[in-house]
C-alpha cells in the first residue's frame, strides 16, 4: 500500500458521492484535466485505490437493480466493475 498519486486522488474525488464505473466518468475526468484519459487508466487508478482501502468495488445486478460489494481482485477480473469511495476516505 503506497501513497495515492495525484491522478488517483483526482479519480477518488469522482467516486466520493455515488457509484461510478470507468466508463461513466472518463469523459468528465478528461474534460476536467484537459487531456484524454482512457477508461483503462481510470480502472487502474480505481483498482489501486481499492487495494489501499480507499474505494469499495461493486458488481451491479441489473435484474435486481442493486450493487453488491466485491473484492479488489474480483473487480480486476470484472468487465464492468463499479466503485464508490470507502467511508474512511470521505471527509
N, C-alpha and C. Protein backbone atom coordinates (compact mmCIF):
# COMPACT_ATOMS: atom_id res chain seq x y z
N UNK A 1 0.84 -1.18 0.00
CA UNK A 1 0.00 0.00 0.00
C UNK A 1 0.88 1.24 0.00
N UNK A 2 0.76 1.99 -1.07
CA UNK A 2 1.53 3.21 -1.17
C UNK A 2 0.62 4.42 -1.11
N UNK A 3 1.25 5.57 -1.05
CA UNK A 3 0.51 6.83 -1.05
C UNK A 3 -0.14 7.02 -2.42
N UNK A 4 -1.43 7.40 -2.47
CA UNK A 4 -2.09 7.60 -3.77
C UNK A 4 -1.42 8.71 -4.57
N UNK A 5 -1.37 8.51 -5.87
CA UNK A 5 -0.83 9.52 -6.77
C UNK A 5 -1.84 10.66 -6.91
N UNK A 6 -1.40 11.75 -7.49
CA UNK A 6 -2.29 12.89 -7.74
C UNK A 6 -3.45 12.46 -8.63
N UNK A 7 -3.17 11.64 -9.64
CA UNK A 7 -4.23 11.16 -10.52
C UNK A 7 -5.22 10.28 -9.76
N UNK A 8 -4.72 9.40 -8.91
CA UNK A 8 -5.61 8.54 -8.12
C UNK A 8 -6.50 9.38 -7.21
N UNK A 9 -5.94 10.42 -6.62
CA UNK A 9 -6.74 11.30 -5.77
C UNK A 9 -7.81 12.04 -6.60
N UNK A 10 -7.46 12.41 -7.81
CA UNK A 10 -8.44 13.04 -8.71
C UNK A 10 -9.59 12.06 -8.97
N UNK A 11 -9.26 10.83 -9.29
CA UNK A 11 -10.28 9.81 -9.56
C UNK A 11 -11.11 9.55 -8.30
N UNK A 12 -10.48 9.52 -7.16
CA UNK A 12 -11.19 9.31 -5.89
C UNK A 12 -12.29 10.36 -5.71
N UNK A 13 -11.98 11.57 -6.06
CA UNK A 13 -12.98 12.64 -5.96
C UNK A 13 -14.22 12.38 -6.79
N UNK A 14 -14.08 11.69 -7.89
CA UNK A 14 -15.20 11.41 -8.78
C UNK A 14 -16.09 10.28 -8.27
N UNK A 15 -15.62 9.50 -7.32
CA UNK A 15 -16.43 8.40 -6.78
C UNK A 15 -16.83 8.66 -5.32
N UNK A 16 -16.68 9.90 -4.88
CA UNK A 16 -16.95 10.23 -3.49
C UNK A 16 -18.43 10.22 -3.13
N UNK A 17 -19.30 10.54 -4.07
CA UNK A 17 -20.71 10.72 -3.75
C UNK A 17 -21.67 9.71 -4.37
N UNK A 18 -21.18 8.90 -5.28
CA UNK A 18 -22.08 7.99 -5.98
C UNK A 18 -21.29 6.82 -6.55
N UNK A 19 -22.00 5.77 -6.90
CA UNK A 19 -21.39 4.65 -7.59
C UNK A 19 -20.98 5.12 -8.98
N UNK A 20 -19.77 4.80 -9.38
CA UNK A 20 -19.28 5.16 -10.71
C UNK A 20 -18.47 4.00 -11.26
N UNK A 21 -18.42 3.95 -12.58
CA UNK A 21 -17.59 2.99 -13.30
C UNK A 21 -16.68 3.78 -14.21
N UNK A 22 -15.57 3.19 -14.63
CA UNK A 22 -14.66 3.94 -15.51
C UNK A 22 -15.37 4.58 -16.71
N UNK A 23 -16.30 3.87 -17.31
CA UNK A 23 -16.97 4.42 -18.49
C UNK A 23 -17.91 5.57 -18.16
N UNK A 24 -18.35 5.69 -16.91
CA UNK A 24 -19.28 6.77 -16.57
C UNK A 24 -18.57 8.08 -16.24
N UNK A 25 -17.27 8.02 -15.96
CA UNK A 25 -16.55 9.23 -15.57
C UNK A 25 -15.39 9.60 -16.47
N UNK A 26 -15.06 8.77 -17.43
CA UNK A 26 -13.90 9.03 -18.29
C UNK A 26 -14.00 10.37 -19.02
N UNK A 27 -15.14 10.66 -19.59
CA UNK A 27 -15.29 11.90 -20.34
C UNK A 27 -15.18 13.12 -19.42
N UNK A 28 -15.81 13.05 -18.25
CA UNK A 28 -15.76 14.17 -17.32
C UNK A 28 -14.35 14.41 -16.78
N UNK A 29 -13.65 13.34 -16.46
CA UNK A 29 -12.27 13.49 -15.98
C UNK A 29 -11.39 14.06 -17.08
N UNK A 30 -11.58 13.59 -18.30
CA UNK A 30 -10.80 14.11 -19.43
C UNK A 30 -11.02 15.61 -19.60
N UNK A 31 -12.27 16.04 -19.49
CA UNK A 31 -12.57 17.47 -19.60
C UNK A 31 -11.94 18.25 -18.46
N UNK A 32 -12.05 17.72 -17.25
CA UNK A 32 -11.50 18.42 -16.08
C UNK A 32 -9.99 18.56 -16.15
N UNK A 33 -9.33 17.53 -16.65
CA UNK A 33 -7.86 17.55 -16.73
C UNK A 33 -7.34 18.08 -18.06
N UNK A 34 -8.25 18.34 -18.98
CA UNK A 34 -7.92 18.90 -20.30
C UNK A 34 -6.95 18.02 -21.08
N UNK A 35 -7.17 16.70 -20.94
CA UNK A 35 -6.41 15.72 -21.73
C UNK A 35 -7.22 14.43 -21.76
N UNK A 36 -6.97 13.62 -22.73
CA UNK A 36 -7.71 12.37 -22.86
C UNK A 36 -7.23 11.35 -21.84
N UNK A 37 -8.19 10.85 -21.07
CA UNK A 37 -7.90 9.82 -20.08
C UNK A 37 -8.70 8.58 -20.49
N UNK A 38 -8.05 7.46 -20.60
CA UNK A 38 -8.74 6.24 -21.03
C UNK A 38 -9.47 5.59 -19.86
N UNK A 39 -10.49 4.82 -20.21
CA UNK A 39 -11.21 4.05 -19.21
C UNK A 39 -10.26 3.07 -18.51
N UNK A 40 -9.31 2.53 -19.25
CA UNK A 40 -8.34 1.59 -18.66
C UNK A 40 -7.49 2.29 -17.60
N UNK A 41 -7.08 3.54 -17.85
CA UNK A 41 -6.30 4.28 -16.87
C UNK A 41 -7.13 4.56 -15.61
N UNK A 42 -8.39 4.88 -15.81
CA UNK A 42 -9.28 5.13 -14.67
C UNK A 42 -9.50 3.85 -13.87
N UNK A 43 -9.73 2.74 -14.57
CA UNK A 43 -9.92 1.47 -13.87
C UNK A 43 -8.67 1.12 -13.06
N UNK A 44 -7.50 1.34 -13.64
CA UNK A 44 -6.25 1.04 -12.94
C UNK A 44 -6.12 1.88 -11.68
N UNK A 45 -6.48 3.16 -11.77
CA UNK A 45 -6.43 4.03 -10.60
C UNK A 45 -7.43 3.57 -9.54
N UNK A 46 -8.62 3.20 -9.97
CA UNK A 46 -9.64 2.74 -9.03
C UNK A 46 -9.23 1.43 -8.36
N UNK A 47 -8.59 0.56 -9.10
CA UNK A 47 -8.11 -0.70 -8.51
C UNK A 47 -7.01 -0.43 -7.49
N UNK A 48 -6.11 0.50 -7.77
CA UNK A 48 -5.07 0.86 -6.81
C UNK A 48 -5.70 1.44 -5.55
N UNK A 49 -6.71 2.29 -5.72
CA UNK A 49 -7.42 2.85 -4.58
C UNK A 49 -8.14 1.76 -3.79
N UNK A 50 -8.69 0.78 -4.49
CA UNK A 50 -9.37 -0.33 -3.83
C UNK A 50 -8.38 -1.16 -3.01
N UNK A 51 -7.22 -1.41 -3.57
CA UNK A 51 -6.19 -2.18 -2.85
C UNK A 51 -5.70 -1.42 -1.61
N UNK A 52 -5.80 -0.09 -1.63
CA UNK A 52 -5.41 0.73 -0.49
C UNK A 52 -6.58 0.99 0.46
N UNK A 53 -7.75 0.42 0.16
CA UNK A 53 -8.91 0.57 1.04
C UNK A 53 -9.62 1.90 0.94
N UNK A 54 -9.32 2.68 -0.09
CA UNK A 54 -9.95 3.99 -0.23
C UNK A 54 -11.24 3.96 -1.02
N UNK A 55 -11.44 2.93 -1.84
CA UNK A 55 -12.71 2.75 -2.54
C UNK A 55 -13.16 1.30 -2.36
N UNK A 56 -14.47 1.11 -2.46
CA UNK A 56 -15.06 -0.22 -2.41
C UNK A 56 -15.54 -0.57 -3.82
N UNK A 57 -15.08 -1.68 -4.37
CA UNK A 57 -15.60 -2.12 -5.67
C UNK A 57 -16.95 -2.81 -5.51
N UNK A 58 -17.76 -2.73 -6.55
CA UNK A 58 -19.08 -3.34 -6.56
C UNK A 58 -19.35 -3.99 -7.91
N UNK A 59 -20.26 -4.95 -7.89
CA UNK A 59 -20.84 -5.51 -9.11
C UNK A 59 -22.28 -5.03 -9.13
N UNK A 60 -22.75 -4.61 -10.29
CA UNK A 60 -24.13 -4.15 -10.41
C UNK A 60 -24.99 -5.26 -10.97
N UNK A 61 -26.07 -5.55 -10.29
CA UNK A 61 -27.04 -6.56 -10.72
C UNK A 61 -28.22 -5.81 -11.34
N UNK A 62 -28.28 -5.77 -12.67
CA UNK A 62 -29.32 -5.01 -13.37
C UNK A 62 -30.71 -5.58 -13.11
N UNK A 63 -30.79 -6.89 -12.98
CA UNK A 63 -32.10 -7.52 -12.74
C UNK A 63 -32.68 -7.08 -11.39
N UNK A 64 -31.84 -7.07 -10.37
CA UNK A 64 -32.28 -6.68 -9.03
C UNK A 64 -32.10 -5.19 -8.75
N UNK A 65 -31.43 -4.50 -9.68
CA UNK A 65 -31.16 -3.07 -9.57
C UNK A 65 -30.47 -2.72 -8.25
N UNK A 66 -29.36 -3.43 -8.00
CA UNK A 66 -28.60 -3.15 -6.78
C UNK A 66 -27.12 -3.46 -6.99
N UNK A 67 -26.33 -2.84 -6.13
CA UNK A 67 -24.88 -3.01 -6.14
C UNK A 67 -24.50 -3.95 -5.01
N UNK A 68 -23.59 -4.87 -5.29
CA UNK A 68 -23.09 -5.79 -4.27
C UNK A 68 -21.58 -5.63 -4.16
N UNK A 69 -21.06 -5.52 -2.94
CA UNK A 69 -19.61 -5.36 -2.77
C UNK A 69 -18.86 -6.59 -3.30
N UNK A 70 -17.71 -6.33 -3.91
CA UNK A 70 -16.82 -7.38 -4.38
C UNK A 70 -15.40 -7.01 -3.95
N UNK A 71 -14.50 -7.96 -4.04
CA UNK A 71 -13.11 -7.68 -3.67
C UNK A 71 -12.40 -6.93 -4.80
N UNK A 72 -11.25 -6.37 -4.47
CA UNK A 72 -10.44 -5.70 -5.49
C UNK A 72 -10.01 -6.69 -6.56
N UNK A 73 -9.71 -7.92 -6.17
CA UNK A 73 -9.33 -8.95 -7.15
C UNK A 73 -10.49 -9.28 -8.08
N UNK A 74 -11.70 -9.36 -7.53
CA UNK A 74 -12.87 -9.61 -8.37
C UNK A 74 -13.11 -8.44 -9.31
N UNK A 75 -12.90 -7.23 -8.83
CA UNK A 75 -13.07 -6.05 -9.66
C UNK A 75 -12.07 -6.04 -10.81
N UNK A 76 -10.85 -6.48 -10.51
CA UNK A 76 -9.82 -6.53 -11.55
C UNK A 76 -10.21 -7.50 -12.66
N UNK A 77 -10.85 -8.60 -12.31
CA UNK A 77 -11.26 -9.60 -13.29
C UNK A 77 -12.58 -9.25 -13.97
N UNK A 78 -13.31 -8.31 -13.42
CA UNK A 78 -14.63 -7.96 -13.95
C UNK A 78 -14.52 -7.07 -15.19
N UNK A 79 -15.44 -7.25 -16.10
CA UNK A 79 -15.50 -6.39 -17.29
C UNK A 79 -16.09 -5.02 -16.96
N UNK A 80 -16.97 -4.98 -15.95
CA UNK A 80 -17.68 -3.73 -15.66
C UNK A 80 -17.83 -3.49 -14.15
N UNK A 81 -16.72 -3.32 -13.44
CA UNK A 81 -16.84 -3.04 -12.01
C UNK A 81 -17.27 -1.60 -11.76
N UNK A 82 -17.94 -1.41 -10.65
CA UNK A 82 -18.34 -0.09 -10.19
C UNK A 82 -17.60 0.19 -8.89
N UNK A 83 -17.51 1.44 -8.52
CA UNK A 83 -16.74 1.82 -7.34
C UNK A 83 -17.43 2.97 -6.62
N UNK A 84 -17.20 3.03 -5.31
CA UNK A 84 -17.61 4.18 -4.51
C UNK A 84 -16.56 4.36 -3.42
N UNK A 85 -16.33 5.59 -3.08
CA UNK A 85 -15.35 5.88 -2.02
C UNK A 85 -15.74 5.15 -0.75
N UNK A 86 -14.75 4.59 -0.10
CA UNK A 86 -14.98 3.92 1.18
C UNK A 86 -15.26 4.98 2.23
N UNK A 87 -16.07 4.66 3.24
CA UNK A 87 -16.40 5.66 4.26
C UNK A 87 -15.16 6.31 4.89
N UNK A 88 -14.10 5.56 5.07
CA UNK A 88 -12.90 6.10 5.70
C UNK A 88 -12.20 7.15 4.85
N UNK A 89 -12.46 7.17 3.56
CA UNK A 89 -11.77 8.12 2.68
C UNK A 89 -12.58 9.41 2.48
N UNK A 90 -13.77 9.46 3.02
CA UNK A 90 -14.60 10.66 2.87
C UNK A 90 -14.36 11.61 4.03
N UNK A 91 -14.37 12.91 3.72
CA UNK A 91 -14.15 13.90 4.80
C UNK A 91 -15.29 13.93 5.78
